[in-house]
Amino acid sequence: MPYEPPTHTVERSIRATTGAKIIAGVDEVGRGAWAGPVTVCAAVTGLRRPPAGLTDSKLLTPKRRTELAAELEKWVTAHALGHATVEEIDELGMTAALRLAAVRALEGLPVRPDAVILDGKHDYLGDPWRVRTVIKGDQSCVVVAAASVIAKVRRDALMAELEAQSETYAPFGFSANAGYPSPVHKAALAEWGPTPHHRLSWAYLDALPQWRHLRKVRLSAEAAELESGGQLGFDF
């Protein structure tokens, strides 16, 4: 399906209106997964022409995404990743965990950016960062699209490594679903229960009577369900 390539329009606007010189694009992956960390990539690209075919990672095939990520890691001026663990997600909630991962990524850059372009409509970073939120920024902004692809490929690889660590994780299919609620993942949860890599404060456990006692109650049931996206998602 044809799509408009991302541009530097937002970055140029920020430069013109604020005087910012170093602008980082930030995108996350893993927000809606049931297992594994949430991962954020912060990238700095300048205004150079990006590699051909750059777009939101979700619009790319796995093969092309992996190839493009390898190109991007050499092409970007700088990039860094930050992760928030399942324990941090369960303890802090997703919004705070996203901020923690994003700050880790931004602080991992060799130079502190003057401004940040954040994918989406919600600024989960806040002060002291100067943030411009852009809905579908991973499709429209070069620097955010680059962060999107790198974050997705690196987190997918991390989840595949988790599966390879132990035969007990094989039924969950992390190498194929990256911790998201695929049919294979749901069936394994129903039979075997959550692994140490699962988010235990999330509402999907309410649909698993034999494992419901493992759920960590951090918020009210209503708030927890809203924060996890309401992802009960079991249709056996």
Protein backbone atom coordinates (compact mmCIF):
# COMPACT_ATOMS: atom_id res chain seq x y z
CA MET A 1 0.00 0.00 0.00
CA PRO A 2 1.51 3.39 -0.97
CA TYR A 3 2.37 5.82 1.77
CA GLU A 4 3.83 9.29 2.00
CA PRO A 5 7.47 9.20 3.10
CA PRO A 6 8.34 11.00 6.33
CA THR A 7 9.83 14.48 6.16
CA HIS A 8 11.80 16.95 8.26
CA THR A 9 8.89 19.43 8.33
CA VAL A 10 8.26 19.29 12.08
CA GLU A 11 11.95 19.39 12.88
CA ARG A 12 12.44 22.45 10.65
CA SER A 13 9.49 24.15 12.35
CA ILE A 14 10.94 23.53 15.81
CA ARG A 15 14.31 24.85 14.71
CA ALA A 16 12.74 27.99 13.25
CA THR A 17 10.45 28.78 16.18
CA THR A 18 12.62 27.81 19.15
CA GLY A 19 16.20 27.97 17.94
CA ALA A 20 16.75 24.32 18.91
CA LYS A 21 19.69 22.73 17.12
CA ILE A 22 19.72 19.15 18.40
CA ILE A 23 16.32 17.52 18.08
CA ALA A 24 15.66 13.93 19.11
CA GLY A 25 12.84 11.75 17.85
CA VAL A 26 11.37 9.38 20.43
CA ASP A 27 9.16 6.34 19.92
CA GLU A 28 8.21 3.36 22.04
CA VAL A 29 7.40 -0.27 21.45
CA GLY A 30 5.88 -2.83 23.79
CA ARG A 31 3.22 -0.65 25.38
CA GLY A 32 0.46 -3.14 24.52
CA ALA A 33 2.43 -6.33 25.11
CA TRP A 34 1.59 -8.69 27.96
CA ALA A 35 5.20 -9.73 28.48
CA GLY A 36 8.60 -8.12 28.26
CA PRO A 37 9.80 -4.57 28.85
CA VAL A 38 8.58 -1.39 27.24
CA THR A 39 11.38 -0.07 25.05
CA VAL A 40 12.01 3.49 23.89
CA CYS A 41 14.48 4.67 21.26
CA ALA A 42 15.75 8.23 21.06
CA ALA A 43 17.37 9.13 17.75
CA VAL A 44 19.05 12.20 16.31
CA THR A 45 19.33 12.48 12.53
CA GLY A 46 19.84 16.09 11.56
CA LEU A 47 18.27 17.07 8.23
CA ARG A 48 19.93 14.52 5.97
CA ARG A 49 18.04 12.40 3.46
CA PRO A 50 17.07 9.10 5.13
CA PRO A 51 17.52 5.60 3.74
CA ALA A 52 14.93 4.65 1.12
CA GLY A 53 11.70 3.15 2.39
CA LEU A 54 11.79 4.64 5.87
CA THR A 55 8.38 4.72 7.54
CA ASP A 56 6.58 3.57 10.68
CA SER A 57 7.96 0.18 11.70
CA LYS A 58 4.46 -1.33 11.72
CA LEU A 59 4.15 -0.74 7.97
CA LEU A 60 7.26 -2.76 7.15
CA THR A 61 7.70 -6.50 6.76
CA PRO A 62 9.90 -8.10 9.44
CA LYS A 63 12.64 -8.75 6.86
CA ARG A 64 12.67 -5.20 5.54
CA ARG A 65 12.41 -3.77 9.05
CA THR A 66 15.51 -5.69 10.14
CA GLU A 67 17.44 -4.61 7.05
CA LEU A 68 16.41 -0.99 7.50
CA ALA A 69 17.29 -0.95 11.20
CA ALA A 70 20.84 -2.04 10.34
CA GLU A 71 21.05 0.82 7.81
CA LEU A 72 19.60 3.32 10.25
CA GLU A 73 21.96 2.47 13.10
CA LYS A 74 24.83 3.47 10.81
CA TRP A 75 23.00 6.45 9.29
CA VAL A 76 21.65 8.28 12.35
CA THR A 77 23.82 10.88 14.04
CA ALA A 78 23.16 9.17 17.38
CA HIS A 79 20.68 6.85 19.02
CA ALA A 80 20.13 5.21 22.38
CA LEU A 81 17.61 2.80 23.88
CA GLY A 82 15.94 2.78 27.25
CA HIS A 83 13.90 0.00 28.81
CA ALA A 84 11.47 -0.24 31.71
CA THR A 85 11.21 -3.74 33.15
CA VAL A 86 8.04 -5.68 33.87
CA GLU A 87 8.65 -5.07 37.58
CA GLU A 88 8.82 -1.31 36.96
CA ILE A 89 5.68 -1.44 34.80
CA ASP A 90 3.82 -3.32 37.53
CA GLU A 91 5.04 -1.00 40.27
CA LEU A 92 4.75 2.36 38.50
CA GLY A 93 2.11 1.93 35.80
CA MET A 94 2.62 2.27 32.08
CA THR A 95 2.74 6.07 31.85
CA ALA A 96 5.47 6.37 34.47
CA ALA A 97 7.30 3.37 33.00
CA LEU A 98 7.26 5.00 29.57
CA ARG A 99 8.74 8.15 31.01
CA LEU A 100 11.43 6.16 32.81
CA ALA A 101 12.40 4.32 29.61
CA ALA A 102 12.34 7.52 27.55
CA VAL A 103 14.52 9.41 30.01
CA ARG A 104 16.98 6.52 30.02
CA ALA A 105 17.11 6.65 26.22
CA LEU A 106 17.51 10.43 26.07
CA GLU A 107 20.17 10.44 28.77
CA GLY A 108 21.98 7.73 26.81
CA LEU A 109 22.55 10.06 23.88
CA PRO A 110 26.04 11.56 23.69
CA VAL A 111 24.58 15.10 23.73
CA ARG A 112 21.43 16.28 25.48
CA PRO A 113 18.86 17.32 22.85
CA ASP A 114 17.41 20.84 22.82
CA ALA A 115 13.97 19.51 21.89
CA VAL A 116 12.14 16.20 21.54
CA ILE A 117 9.58 15.07 18.98
CA LEU A 118 7.40 12.50 20.70
CA ASP A 119 5.15 10.12 18.77
CA GLY A 120 1.50 10.31 19.78
CA LYS A 121 -0.75 12.91 21.37
CA HIS A 122 0.24 12.49 25.03
CA ASP A 123 3.39 14.04 26.47
CA TYR A 124 4.50 11.40 28.94
CA LEU A 125 7.92 13.06 29.30
CA GLY A 126 7.05 16.49 30.70
CA ASP A 127 9.51 18.90 32.34
CA PRO A 128 12.35 19.60 31.96
CA TRP A 129 12.18 18.29 28.38
CA ARG A 130 10.96 20.58 25.60
CA VAL A 131 8.48 18.30 23.83
CA ARG A 132 6.45 18.49 20.62
CA THR A 133 3.92 15.67 20.32
CA VAL A 134 2.98 14.53 16.83
CA ILE A 135 0.15 12.09 16.15
CA LYS A 136 1.45 9.41 13.77
CA GLY A 137 4.86 10.99 14.02
CA ASP A 138 6.36 7.58 13.25
CA GLN A 139 4.89 7.97 9.75
CA SER A 140 5.37 11.69 9.17
CA CYS A 141 8.67 12.62 10.88
CA VAL A 142 12.01 11.20 9.71
CA VAL A 143 13.61 11.28 13.16
CA VAL A 144 10.63 9.56 14.84
CA ALA A 145 10.32 6.94 12.09
CA ALA A 146 14.00 6.10 12.54
CA ALA A 147 13.48 5.68 16.29
CA SER A 148 10.39 3.55 15.62
CA VAL A 149 12.22 1.06 13.42
CA ILE A 150 15.26 0.73 15.66
CA ALA A 151 13.13 0.30 18.80
CA LYS A 152 10.94 -2.37 17.21
CA VAL A 153 13.80 -4.46 15.84
CA ARG A 154 15.85 -4.27 19.02
CA ARG A 155 12.92 -5.21 21.29
CA ASP A 156 11.86 -8.06 18.98
CA ALA A 157 15.40 -9.42 19.19
CA LEU A 158 15.34 -9.12 22.97
CA MET A 159 12.08 -11.10 23.17
CA ALA A 160 13.49 -13.79 20.88
CA GLU A 161 16.49 -14.04 23.21
CA LEU A 162 14.15 -14.54 26.17
CA GLU A 163 12.48 -17.46 24.40
CA ALA A 164 15.87 -19.00 23.64
CA GLN A 165 16.91 -18.84 27.30
CA SER A 166 14.66 -21.67 28.44
CA GLU A 167 12.54 -24.43 26.95
CA THR A 168 9.78 -23.42 29.35
CA TYR A 169 9.30 -20.20 27.38
CA ALA A 170 8.97 -21.90 23.99
CA PRO A 171 5.16 -22.44 24.22
CA PHE A 172 4.60 -18.68 24.54
CA GLY A 173 6.09 -17.92 21.11
CA PHE A 174 7.92 -14.76 22.16
CA SER A 175 10.15 -14.91 19.06
CA ALA A 176 7.04 -14.61 16.86
CA ASN A 177 4.71 -12.42 18.94
CA ALA A 178 7.23 -10.32 20.95
CA GLY A 179 5.05 -10.70 24.04
CA TYR A 180 1.85 -9.43 22.41
CA PRO A 181 -1.41 -11.41 22.87
CA SER A 182 -1.32 -13.81 19.91
CA PRO A 183 -3.45 -17.01 19.97
CA VAL A 184 -0.35 -19.08 20.78
CA HIS A 185 0.55 -16.75 23.63
CA LYS A 186 -2.99 -16.82 25.06
CA ALA A 187 -3.16 -20.62 24.92
CA ALA A 188 0.19 -20.96 26.69
CA LEU A 189 -0.90 -18.55 29.42
CA ALA A 190 -4.09 -20.51 29.99
CA GLU A 191 -2.17 -23.77 30.33
CA TRP A 192 1.08 -22.78 32.00
CA GLY A 193 0.39 -19.42 33.63
CA PRO A 194 2.59 -16.32 33.49
CA THR A 195 6.37 -16.44 33.33
CA PRO A 196 8.68 -14.10 35.26
CA HIS A 197 8.61 -11.90 32.14
CA HIS A 198 4.86 -11.24 32.25
CA ARG A 199 3.22 -8.07 33.50
CA LEU A 200 1.25 -9.16 36.55
CA SER A 201 -0.72 -5.98 37.20
CA TRP A 202 -2.56 -6.25 33.90
CA ALA A 203 -6.21 -7.17 33.46
CA TYR A 204 -5.64 -10.23 31.24
CA LEU A 205 -5.10 -12.27 34.42
CA ASP A 206 -8.74 -11.70 35.36
CA ALA A 207 -9.70 -14.01 32.48
CA LEU A 208 -7.49 -16.80 33.85
CA PRO A 209 -9.18 -18.11 37.01
CA GLN A 210 -6.42 -20.57 37.88
CA TRP A 211 -3.77 -17.83 37.74
CA ARG A 212 -5.82 -14.84 38.90
CA HIS A 213 -4.29 -15.03 42.37
CA LEU A 214 -0.94 -13.94 40.92
CA ARG A 215 -2.24 -10.58 39.83
CA LYS A 216 -0.56 -7.59 41.47
CA VAL A 217 -3.11 -4.97 42.45
CA ARG A 218 -1.53 -1.56 42.13
CA LEU A 219 -4.55 0.53 41.16
CA SER A 220 -8.30 0.18 41.33
CA ALA A 221 -9.54 -2.54 38.99
CA GLU A 222 -11.09 0.08 36.68
CA ALA A 223 -7.94 2.19 36.49
CA ALA A 224 -5.71 -0.83 35.95
CA GLU A 225 -7.88 -2.03 33.09
CA LEU A 226 -7.84 1.39 31.45
CA GLU A 227 -4.09 1.67 31.79
CA SER A 228 -3.48 -1.76 30.26
CA GLY A 229 -5.73 -0.91 27.35
CA GLY A 230 -8.58 -3.07 28.63
CA GLN A 231 -6.81 -6.06 27.12
CA LEU A 232 -8.63 -8.99 28.56
CA GLY A 233 -8.67 -10.44 25.07
CA PHE A 234 -9.47 -14.09 25.82
CA ASP A 235 -11.91 -15.79 23.44
CA PHE A 236 -11.43 -19.51 24.04
